[in-house]
Amino acid sequence: MRIFLAFLPNIVILNQVESIKNKLKEHCESGNYTEKNNLHVTLIFIGDVNEVQLRNVKKILHQTAFAPFSIKLKAIKSFETKGKGDVFFIDVFKTSILEDIYKFLFEKLNNSGFNIQNREYLPHLTLGRKVVLNKPDDLVLLNSSFKGLSFQTNRISLMESVRIDDELIYREIDQAELK
């Protein structure tokens, strides 16, 4: 079982992000775009786990004691990948509460034997992979029409990544309420 921790946007934000993704597609010759139901802000990617490890992750998740907060989306960005196309995403403002939640879960998971990559946390919402823009300047054009979005989050979701009939599906298998 392949898992990760994430924040899930509400339906209003999902619809707005879907609209942004569709505008991106209009400026691209190709790409592998994130399905609307799979859109999320990754907190920590954990990877493949067995049942014992899954129970440990759930236990750690439910030790989280943070208040609900707002996640602010700020700009459409990309980073280059090996091969054809880039990863396009919406950058998220890294607030102190977001950083504190990440650090708390990172430490708890690593102290419990998980080998979480120790790198800077760069919160984002992936729009697509292997994306090839028609013109490099199109990203500037897309950002000129981007209005920052935000959503209130009241839970951390434990997500499972599965492939069904060659379709990637992320499904929530547990959650911890932020109070």
N, C-alpha and C. Protein backbone atom coordinates (compact mmCIF):
# COMPACT_ATOMS: atom_id res chain seq x y z
N MET A 1 0.85 -1.18 0.00
CA MET A 1 0.00 0.00 0.00
C MET A 1 0.89 1.24 0.00
N ARG A 2 0.59 2.18 -0.91
CA ARG A 2 1.37 3.41 -1.07
C ARG A 2 0.57 4.56 -0.47
N ILE A 3 1.17 5.31 0.48
CA ILE A 3 0.41 6.32 1.22
C ILE A 3 1.15 7.66 1.31
N PHE A 4 0.36 8.69 1.63
CA PHE A 4 0.92 10.01 1.90
C PHE A 4 -0.08 10.79 2.75
N LEU A 5 0.40 11.86 3.38
CA LEU A 5 -0.44 12.76 4.16
C LEU A 5 -0.69 14.02 3.36
N ALA A 6 -1.92 14.54 3.42
CA ALA A 6 -2.26 15.68 2.57
C ALA A 6 -3.37 16.52 3.18
N PHE A 7 -3.52 17.71 2.60
CA PHE A 7 -4.66 18.58 2.88
C PHE A 7 -5.53 18.57 1.63
N LEU A 8 -6.82 18.35 1.80
CA LEU A 8 -7.74 18.29 0.67
C LEU A 8 -8.53 19.59 0.56
N PRO A 9 -8.50 20.22 -0.61
CA PRO A 9 -9.29 21.45 -0.80
C PRO A 9 -10.79 21.14 -0.82
N ASN A 10 -11.58 22.15 -0.49
CA ASN A 10 -13.03 21.99 -0.56
C ASN A 10 -13.49 22.04 -2.02
N ILE A 11 -14.76 21.74 -2.26
CA ILE A 11 -15.28 21.64 -3.63
C ILE A 11 -15.19 22.97 -4.38
N VAL A 12 -15.36 24.09 -3.71
CA VAL A 12 -15.26 25.39 -4.37
C VAL A 12 -13.85 25.59 -4.92
N ILE A 13 -12.85 25.30 -4.10
CA ILE A 13 -11.45 25.43 -4.53
C ILE A 13 -11.14 24.40 -5.61
N LEU A 14 -11.63 23.18 -5.46
CA LEU A 14 -11.40 22.16 -6.49
C LEU A 14 -11.91 22.64 -7.85
N ASN A 15 -13.09 23.24 -7.86
CA ASN A 15 -13.65 23.74 -9.12
C ASN A 15 -12.81 24.87 -9.69
N GLN A 16 -12.32 25.77 -8.83
CA GLN A 16 -11.48 26.88 -9.29
C GLN A 16 -10.14 26.37 -9.82
N VAL A 17 -9.55 25.41 -9.13
CA VAL A 17 -8.28 24.85 -9.57
C VAL A 17 -8.47 24.08 -10.88
N GLU A 18 -9.59 23.39 -11.01
CA GLU A 18 -9.91 22.69 -12.26
C GLU A 18 -9.97 23.68 -13.42
N SER A 19 -10.55 24.84 -13.18
CA SER A 19 -10.62 25.89 -14.20
C SER A 19 -9.21 26.39 -14.56
N ILE A 20 -8.36 26.57 -13.57
CA ILE A 20 -6.97 26.98 -13.81
C ILE A 20 -6.25 25.91 -14.63
N LYS A 21 -6.47 24.66 -14.27
CA LYS A 21 -5.83 23.55 -14.99
C LYS A 21 -6.29 23.53 -16.45
N ASN A 22 -7.57 23.79 -16.67
CA ASN A 22 -8.08 23.82 -18.04
C ASN A 22 -7.48 24.96 -18.85
N LYS A 23 -7.24 26.12 -18.20
CA LYS A 23 -6.57 27.23 -18.87
C LYS A 23 -5.13 26.84 -19.22
N LEU A 24 -4.48 26.13 -18.30
CA LEU A 24 -3.12 25.65 -18.56
C LEU A 24 -3.12 24.75 -19.80
N LYS A 25 -4.07 23.84 -19.86
CA LYS A 25 -4.15 22.91 -21.00
C LYS A 25 -4.26 23.64 -22.34
N GLU A 26 -4.97 24.77 -22.34
CA GLU A 26 -5.13 25.56 -23.57
C GLU A 26 -3.80 26.10 -24.08
N HIS A 27 -2.81 26.21 -23.19
CA HIS A 27 -1.51 26.76 -23.56
C HIS A 27 -0.44 25.68 -23.71
N CYS A 28 -0.87 24.41 -23.78
CA CYS A 28 0.09 23.31 -23.82
C CYS A 28 -0.12 22.43 -25.03
N GLU A 29 0.99 21.87 -25.47
CA GLU A 29 0.89 20.90 -26.56
C GLU A 29 0.69 19.49 -26.03
N SER A 30 1.09 19.25 -24.77
CA SER A 30 0.89 17.92 -24.18
C SER A 30 1.05 18.00 -22.66
N GLY A 31 0.64 16.94 -21.99
CA GLY A 31 0.78 16.88 -20.53
C GLY A 31 -0.05 15.76 -19.95
N ASN A 32 0.31 15.37 -18.74
CA ASN A 32 -0.43 14.37 -17.97
C ASN A 32 -0.99 15.13 -16.76
N TYR A 33 -2.26 15.46 -16.80
CA TYR A 33 -2.86 16.37 -15.82
C TYR A 33 -3.50 15.64 -14.66
N THR A 34 -3.44 16.25 -13.48
CA THR A 34 -4.03 15.69 -12.27
C THR A 34 -5.55 15.74 -12.37
N GLU A 35 -6.19 14.60 -12.13
CA GLU A 35 -7.65 14.55 -12.13
C GLU A 35 -8.19 15.40 -10.97
N LYS A 36 -9.33 16.00 -11.18
CA LYS A 36 -9.93 16.89 -10.18
C LYS A 36 -10.04 16.22 -8.81
N ASN A 37 -10.46 14.97 -8.78
CA ASN A 37 -10.64 14.26 -7.50
C ASN A 37 -9.32 13.89 -6.83
N ASN A 38 -8.20 14.05 -7.54
CA ASN A 38 -6.89 13.74 -6.97
C ASN A 38 -6.13 14.99 -6.52
N LEU A 39 -6.70 16.17 -6.73
CA LEU A 39 -6.02 17.41 -6.35
C LEU A 39 -5.87 17.50 -4.82
N HIS A 40 -4.68 17.85 -4.37
CA HIS A 40 -4.40 17.94 -2.94
C HIS A 40 -3.10 18.72 -2.72
N VAL A 41 -2.89 19.13 -1.49
CA VAL A 41 -1.61 19.71 -1.08
C VAL A 41 -0.89 18.64 -0.26
N THR A 42 0.20 18.12 -0.80
CA THR A 42 0.93 17.06 -0.10
C THR A 42 1.59 17.62 1.15
N LEU A 43 1.46 16.89 2.24
CA LEU A 43 2.15 17.24 3.48
C LEU A 43 3.42 16.40 3.57
N ILE A 44 3.28 15.07 3.56
CA ILE A 44 4.44 14.17 3.60
C ILE A 44 4.13 12.94 2.77
N PHE A 45 5.04 12.62 1.86
CA PHE A 45 4.95 11.37 1.11
C PHE A 45 5.64 10.30 1.95
N ILE A 46 4.94 9.21 2.23
CA ILE A 46 5.49 8.14 3.07
C ILE A 46 5.97 6.98 2.21
N GLY A 47 5.19 6.60 1.21
CA GLY A 47 5.60 5.51 0.32
C GLY A 47 4.89 4.21 0.64
N ASP A 48 5.52 3.11 0.27
CA ASP A 48 4.92 1.79 0.46
C ASP A 48 5.03 1.36 1.92
N VAL A 49 3.92 0.87 2.47
CA VAL A 49 3.88 0.41 3.86
C VAL A 49 3.13 -0.91 3.95
N ASN A 50 3.41 -1.66 5.02
CA ASN A 50 2.65 -2.86 5.33
C ASN A 50 1.59 -2.51 6.37
N GLU A 51 0.81 -3.48 6.79
CA GLU A 51 -0.30 -3.22 7.72
C GLU A 51 0.18 -2.69 9.08
N VAL A 52 1.29 -3.21 9.58
CA VAL A 52 1.83 -2.75 10.87
C VAL A 52 2.26 -1.29 10.75
N GLN A 53 2.96 -0.96 9.68
CA GLN A 53 3.40 0.42 9.47
C GLN A 53 2.20 1.35 9.28
N LEU A 54 1.17 0.88 8.59
CA LEU A 54 -0.03 1.68 8.40
C LEU A 54 -0.66 2.02 9.75
N ARG A 55 -0.75 1.05 10.64
CA ARG A 55 -1.31 1.32 11.98
C ARG A 55 -0.46 2.35 12.72
N ASN A 56 0.86 2.27 12.56
CA ASN A 56 1.76 3.24 13.18
C ASN A 56 1.52 4.65 12.64
N VAL A 57 1.36 4.77 11.33
CA VAL A 57 1.11 6.07 10.71
C VAL A 57 -0.21 6.64 11.24
N LYS A 58 -1.24 5.81 11.33
CA LYS A 58 -2.53 6.28 11.84
C LYS A 58 -2.41 6.76 13.28
N LYS A 59 -1.65 6.04 14.08
CA LYS A 59 -1.44 6.43 15.48
C LYS A 59 -0.74 7.79 15.56
N ILE A 60 0.29 7.97 14.75
CA ILE A 60 1.02 9.25 14.71
C ILE A 60 0.10 10.37 14.22
N LEU A 61 -0.65 10.09 13.18
CA LEU A 61 -1.56 11.08 12.63
C LEU A 61 -2.52 11.61 13.69
N HIS A 62 -3.04 10.71 14.52
CA HIS A 62 -4.02 11.11 15.53
C HIS A 62 -3.39 11.76 16.76
N GLN A 63 -2.06 11.86 16.79
CA GLN A 63 -1.38 12.62 17.85
C GLN A 63 -1.25 14.10 17.48
N THR A 64 -1.63 14.42 16.25
CA THR A 64 -1.52 15.80 15.77
C THR A 64 -2.52 16.67 16.51
N ALA A 65 -2.02 17.76 17.10
CA ALA A 65 -2.89 18.66 17.88
C ALA A 65 -2.64 20.11 17.44
N PHE A 66 -3.22 20.46 16.31
CA PHE A 66 -3.09 21.81 15.77
C PHE A 66 -4.47 22.35 15.47
N ALA A 67 -4.59 23.66 15.42
CA ALA A 67 -5.86 24.32 15.13
C ALA A 67 -6.08 24.38 13.61
N PRO A 68 -7.34 24.48 13.18
CA PRO A 68 -7.60 24.69 11.76
C PRO A 68 -6.92 25.98 11.29
N PHE A 69 -6.58 26.04 10.02
CA PHE A 69 -5.90 27.21 9.49
C PHE A 69 -6.22 27.36 8.00
N SER A 70 -5.78 28.45 7.44
CA SER A 70 -6.04 28.74 6.04
C SER A 70 -4.80 28.41 5.19
N ILE A 71 -5.04 27.74 4.08
CA ILE A 71 -3.98 27.45 3.10
C ILE A 71 -4.17 28.42 1.95
N LYS A 72 -3.10 29.15 1.63
CA LYS A 72 -3.17 30.17 0.58
C LYS A 72 -2.35 29.72 -0.63
N LEU A 73 -3.02 29.72 -1.78
CA LEU A 73 -2.37 29.37 -3.04
C LEU A 73 -1.90 30.67 -3.69
N LYS A 74 -0.64 30.71 -4.17
CA LYS A 74 -0.13 32.01 -4.60
C LYS A 74 0.21 32.16 -6.07
N ALA A 75 0.75 31.16 -6.74
CA ALA A 75 1.15 31.36 -8.14
C ALA A 75 1.32 30.02 -8.83
N ILE A 76 1.16 30.04 -10.15
CA ILE A 76 1.41 28.85 -10.95
C ILE A 76 2.91 28.83 -11.27
N LYS A 77 3.53 27.70 -11.02
CA LYS A 77 4.97 27.56 -11.25
C LYS A 77 5.25 26.21 -11.91
N SER A 78 6.51 26.02 -12.27
CA SER A 78 6.91 24.73 -12.84
C SER A 78 8.35 24.44 -12.45
N PHE A 79 8.70 23.16 -12.51
CA PHE A 79 10.09 22.79 -12.41
C PHE A 79 10.39 21.74 -13.45
N GLU A 80 11.62 21.80 -13.93
CA GLU A 80 12.04 20.90 -15.00
C GLU A 80 12.23 19.49 -14.47
N THR A 81 11.97 18.54 -15.35
CA THR A 81 12.20 17.13 -15.02
C THR A 81 13.08 16.53 -16.12
N LYS A 82 13.61 15.37 -15.83
CA LYS A 82 14.36 14.64 -16.87
C LYS A 82 13.35 14.12 -17.87
N GLY A 83 13.67 14.22 -19.11
CA GLY A 83 12.75 13.76 -20.13
C GLY A 83 11.89 14.89 -20.64
N LYS A 84 10.80 14.54 -21.27
CA LYS A 84 9.95 15.53 -21.92
C LYS A 84 8.96 16.14 -20.93
N GLY A 85 8.89 17.46 -20.92
CA GLY A 85 7.89 18.16 -20.13
C GLY A 85 8.33 18.47 -18.72
N ASP A 86 7.56 19.36 -18.09
CA ASP A 86 7.82 19.83 -16.73
C ASP A 86 6.64 19.51 -15.82
N VAL A 87 6.89 19.63 -14.51
CA VAL A 87 5.81 19.52 -13.54
C VAL A 87 5.27 20.93 -13.30
N PHE A 88 3.96 21.11 -13.47
CA PHE A 88 3.31 22.39 -13.21
C PHE A 88 2.49 22.27 -11.95
N PHE A 89 2.54 23.32 -11.11
CA PHE A 89 1.87 23.28 -9.82
C PHE A 89 1.46 24.68 -9.40
N ILE A 90 0.60 24.73 -8.39
CA ILE A 90 0.27 26.00 -7.75
C ILE A 90 1.05 26.02 -6.44
N ASP A 91 1.87 27.03 -6.30
CA ASP A 91 2.69 27.20 -5.11
C ASP A 91 1.80 27.61 -3.93
N VAL A 92 2.13 27.12 -2.74
CA VAL A 92 1.39 27.41 -1.52
C VAL A 92 2.27 28.25 -0.60
N PHE A 93 1.69 29.32 -0.02
CA PHE A 93 2.43 30.10 0.98
C PHE A 93 2.80 29.17 2.14
N LYS A 94 4.08 29.16 2.50
CA LYS A 94 4.54 28.32 3.60
C LYS A 94 4.42 29.12 4.90
N THR A 95 3.33 28.90 5.61
CA THR A 95 3.09 29.60 6.87
C THR A 95 3.76 28.86 8.02
N SER A 96 3.87 29.51 9.16
CA SER A 96 4.51 28.87 10.31
C SER A 96 3.72 27.65 10.78
N ILE A 97 2.39 27.70 10.73
CA ILE A 97 1.61 26.54 11.18
C ILE A 97 1.80 25.36 10.23
N LEU A 98 1.87 25.64 8.95
CA LEU A 98 2.11 24.58 7.97
C LEU A 98 3.48 23.95 8.20
N GLU A 99 4.46 24.78 8.44
CA GLU A 99 5.82 24.30 8.72
C GLU A 99 5.85 23.51 10.03
N ASP A 100 5.14 23.98 11.07
CA ASP A 100 5.10 23.28 12.36
C ASP A 100 4.46 21.89 12.24
N ILE A 101 3.38 21.80 11.49
CA ILE A 101 2.71 20.50 11.29
C ILE A 101 3.65 19.55 10.55
N TYR A 102 4.30 20.07 9.51
CA TYR A 102 5.24 19.25 8.75
C TYR A 102 6.36 18.73 9.67
N LYS A 103 6.98 19.63 10.43
CA LYS A 103 8.09 19.24 11.31
C LYS A 103 7.65 18.21 12.35
N PHE A 104 6.47 18.42 12.94
CA PHE A 104 5.95 17.50 13.95
C PHE A 104 5.80 16.10 13.36
N LEU A 105 5.13 16.00 12.22
CA LEU A 105 4.88 14.68 11.61
C LEU A 105 6.17 14.07 11.06
N PHE A 106 7.03 14.90 10.48
CA PHE A 106 8.32 14.41 9.98
C PHE A 106 9.11 13.75 11.10
N GLU A 107 9.24 14.44 12.23
CA GLU A 107 10.01 13.90 13.37
C GLU A 107 9.37 12.63 13.92
N LYS A 108 8.05 12.64 14.12
CA LYS A 108 7.35 11.47 14.66
C LYS A 108 7.52 10.25 13.73
N LEU A 109 7.37 10.47 12.44
CA LEU A 109 7.49 9.36 11.49
C LEU A 109 8.92 8.83 11.44
N ASN A 110 9.90 9.73 11.37
CA ASN A 110 11.30 9.28 11.34
C ASN A 110 11.70 8.58 12.64
N ASN A 111 11.22 9.08 13.78
CA ASN A 111 11.51 8.44 15.06
C ASN A 111 10.84 7.08 15.20
N SER A 112 9.85 6.81 14.36
CA SER A 112 9.14 5.53 14.38
C SER A 112 9.66 4.57 13.32
N GLY A 113 10.78 4.93 12.70
CA GLY A 113 11.41 4.01 11.75
C GLY A 113 11.10 4.25 10.28
N PHE A 114 10.32 5.26 9.98
CA PHE A 114 10.06 5.58 8.58
C PHE A 114 11.22 6.41 8.05
N ASN A 115 11.56 6.18 6.82
CA ASN A 115 12.68 6.88 6.22
C ASN A 115 12.15 7.99 5.31
N ILE A 116 11.67 9.07 5.94
CA ILE A 116 11.12 10.19 5.19
C ILE A 116 12.28 11.06 4.71
N GLN A 117 12.26 11.40 3.42
CA GLN A 117 13.34 12.22 2.85
C GLN A 117 13.47 13.53 3.60
N ASN A 118 14.69 13.84 4.01
CA ASN A 118 14.97 15.08 4.75
C ASN A 118 15.32 16.17 3.74
N ARG A 119 14.31 16.90 3.32
CA ARG A 119 14.52 18.00 2.39
C ARG A 119 13.55 19.12 2.74
N GLU A 120 13.81 20.28 2.18
CA GLU A 120 12.95 21.42 2.47
C GLU A 120 11.52 21.12 2.06
N TYR A 121 10.57 21.47 2.93
CA TYR A 121 9.16 21.28 2.61
C TYR A 121 8.70 22.40 1.70
N LEU A 122 8.25 22.04 0.50
CA LEU A 122 7.76 23.00 -0.47
C LEU A 122 6.30 22.67 -0.80
N PRO A 123 5.37 23.21 0.00
CA PRO A 123 3.96 22.87 -0.22
C PRO A 123 3.46 23.36 -1.57
N HIS A 124 2.72 22.50 -2.24
CA HIS A 124 2.20 22.84 -3.57
C HIS A 124 1.04 21.92 -3.93
N LEU A 125 0.35 22.30 -4.97
CA LEU A 125 -0.76 21.52 -5.50
C LEU A 125 -0.43 21.24 -6.97
N THR A 126 -0.17 19.98 -7.31
CA THR A 126 0.27 19.62 -8.65
C THR A 126 -0.88 19.67 -9.65
N LEU A 127 -0.65 20.40 -10.73
CA LEU A 127 -1.63 20.49 -11.82
C LEU A 127 -1.37 19.45 -12.90
N GLY A 128 -0.10 19.17 -13.17
CA GLY A 128 0.21 18.20 -14.21
C GLY A 128 1.69 17.89 -14.28
N ARG A 129 1.97 16.74 -14.89
CA ARG A 129 3.34 16.29 -15.10
C ARG A 129 3.56 16.14 -16.61
N LYS A 130 4.84 16.17 -17.00
CA LYS A 130 5.19 16.04 -18.42
C LYS A 130 4.46 17.07 -19.28
N VAL A 131 4.30 18.26 -18.72
CA VAL A 131 3.58 19.34 -19.41
C VAL A 131 4.55 20.10 -20.30
N VAL A 132 4.15 20.30 -21.55
CA VAL A 132 4.95 21.06 -22.51
C VAL A 132 4.12 22.25 -22.96
N LEU A 133 4.60 23.46 -22.59
CA LEU A 133 3.91 24.69 -23.00
C LEU A 133 4.11 24.95 -24.49
N ASN A 134 3.12 25.58 -25.11
CA ASN A 134 3.26 26.01 -26.50
C ASN A 134 4.39 27.03 -26.62
N LYS A 135 4.40 28.00 -25.70
CA LYS A 135 5.43 29.05 -25.67
C LYS A 135 5.84 29.26 -24.21
N PRO A 136 7.13 29.44 -23.95
CA PRO A 136 7.59 29.64 -22.57
C PRO A 136 6.92 30.82 -21.87
N ASP A 137 6.58 31.87 -22.63
CA ASP A 137 5.96 33.05 -22.04
C ASP A 137 4.53 32.80 -21.57
N ASP A 138 3.95 31.67 -21.96
CA ASP A 138 2.57 31.37 -21.58
C ASP A 138 2.40 31.26 -20.06
N LEU A 139 3.44 30.87 -19.33
CA LEU A 139 3.35 30.79 -17.88
C LEU A 139 3.14 32.17 -17.29
N VAL A 140 3.82 33.16 -17.83
CA VAL A 140 3.64 34.55 -17.37
C VAL A 140 2.20 34.99 -17.64
N LEU A 141 1.70 34.63 -18.81
CA LEU A 141 0.32 34.96 -19.18
C LEU A 141 -0.68 34.30 -18.22
N LEU A 142 -0.46 33.04 -17.92
CA LEU A 142 -1.35 32.32 -16.99
C LEU A 142 -1.34 32.97 -15.61
N ASN A 143 -0.17 33.35 -15.13
CA ASN A 143 -0.07 33.97 -13.81
C ASN A 143 -0.68 35.36 -13.76
N SER A 144 -0.69 36.04 -14.89
CA SER A 144 -1.28 37.38 -14.90
C SER A 144 -2.78 37.33 -14.63
N SER A 145 -3.41 36.21 -14.96
CA SER A 145 -4.85 36.08 -14.70
C SER A 145 -5.14 35.29 -13.43
N PHE A 146 -4.08 34.80 -12.76
CA PHE A 146 -4.27 34.01 -11.53
C PHE A 146 -4.55 34.92 -10.35
N LYS A 147 -5.65 34.69 -9.69
CA LYS A 147 -5.98 35.41 -8.46
C LYS A 147 -5.75 34.43 -7.32
N GLY A 148 -4.97 34.83 -6.35
CA GLY A 148 -4.68 33.96 -5.22
C GLY A 148 -5.95 33.38 -4.62
N LEU A 149 -5.88 32.12 -4.27
CA LEU A 149 -7.01 31.42 -3.66
C LEU A 149 -6.60 30.97 -2.27
N SER A 150 -7.58 30.77 -1.42
CA SER A 150 -7.28 30.20 -0.10
C SER A 150 -8.46 29.34 0.34
N PHE A 151 -8.14 28.39 1.21
CA PHE A 151 -9.20 27.56 1.78
C PHE A 151 -8.86 27.20 3.21
N GLN A 152 -9.89 27.07 4.01
CA GLN A 152 -9.74 26.69 5.41
C GLN A 152 -9.60 25.16 5.46
N THR A 153 -8.61 24.70 6.19
CA THR A 153 -8.47 23.26 6.35
C THR A 153 -8.70 22.90 7.81
N ASN A 154 -9.47 21.86 8.01
CA ASN A 154 -9.78 21.43 9.37
C ASN A 154 -9.38 19.98 9.62
N ARG A 155 -8.61 19.41 8.67
CA ARG A 155 -8.16 18.04 8.89
C ARG A 155 -6.91 17.74 8.04
N ILE A 156 -6.18 16.74 8.50
CA ILE A 156 -5.08 16.16 7.74
C ILE A 156 -5.57 14.81 7.27
N SER A 157 -5.40 14.53 5.99
CA SER A 157 -5.90 13.29 5.42
C SER A 157 -4.77 12.31 5.15
N LEU A 158 -5.01 11.06 5.50
CA LEU A 158 -4.11 9.97 5.14
C LEU A 158 -4.66 9.39 3.84
N MET A 159 -3.85 9.46 2.80
CA MET A 159 -4.29 9.07 1.46
C MET A 159 -3.59 7.80 1.00
N GLU A 160 -4.35 7.00 0.27
CA GLU A 160 -3.80 5.82 -0.38
C GLU A 160 -3.75 6.10 -1.88
N SER A 161 -2.66 5.74 -2.49
CA SER A 161 -2.49 5.88 -3.93
C SER A 161 -2.61 4.50 -4.56
N VAL A 162 -3.63 4.33 -5.40
CA VAL A 162 -3.85 3.03 -6.06
C VAL A 162 -4.07 3.25 -7.55
N ARG A 163 -3.78 2.22 -8.31
CA ARG A 163 -4.03 2.24 -9.74
C ARG A 163 -5.13 1.22 -10.02
N ILE A 164 -6.24 1.73 -10.58
CA ILE A 164 -7.37 0.87 -10.93
C ILE A 164 -7.65 1.06 -12.42
N ASP A 165 -7.59 -0.05 -13.16
CA ASP A 165 -7.78 0.00 -14.61
C ASP A 165 -6.88 1.06 -15.24
N ASP A 166 -5.62 1.07 -14.82
CA ASP A 166 -4.60 1.99 -15.33
C ASP A 166 -4.89 3.46 -15.02
N GLU A 167 -5.79 3.71 -14.06
CA GLU A 167 -6.08 5.08 -13.63
C GLU A 167 -5.58 5.27 -12.20
N LEU A 168 -4.82 6.34 -11.97
CA LEU A 168 -4.31 6.64 -10.64
C LEU A 168 -5.41 7.29 -9.82
N ILE A 169 -5.65 6.71 -8.64
CA ILE A 169 -6.71 7.22 -7.76
C ILE A 169 -6.12 7.41 -6.37
N TYR A 170 -6.40 8.60 -5.79
CA TYR A 170 -6.02 8.87 -4.41
C TYR A 170 -7.30 8.82 -3.58
N ARG A 171 -7.28 7.99 -2.54
CA ARG A 171 -8.48 7.93 -1.69
C ARG A 171 -8.09 8.10 -0.23
N GLU A 172 -8.96 8.82 0.45
CA GLU A 172 -8.74 9.09 1.87
C GLU A 172 -9.07 7.83 2.66
N ILE A 173 -8.11 7.36 3.47
CA ILE A 173 -8.36 6.17 4.27
C ILE A 173 -8.42 6.46 5.76
N ASP A 174 -8.01 7.67 6.15
CA ASP A 174 -8.14 8.11 7.54
C ASP A 174 -7.95 9.62 7.55
N GLN A 175 -8.27 10.22 8.68
CA GLN A 175 -8.09 11.66 8.82
C GLN A 175 -7.96 12.03 10.29
N ALA A 176 -7.28 13.14 10.53
CA ALA A 176 -7.16 13.68 11.89
C ALA A 176 -7.74 15.09 11.84
N GLU A 177 -8.72 15.32 12.67
CA GLU A 177 -9.34 16.65 12.74
C GLU A 177 -8.41 17.64 13.41
N LEU A 178 -8.35 18.84 12.88
CA LEU A 178 -7.61 19.92 13.50
C LEU A 178 -8.60 20.67 14.39
N LYS A 179 -8.25 20.84 15.67
CA LYS A 179 -9.19 21.46 16.61
C LYS A 179 -8.58 22.65 17.30
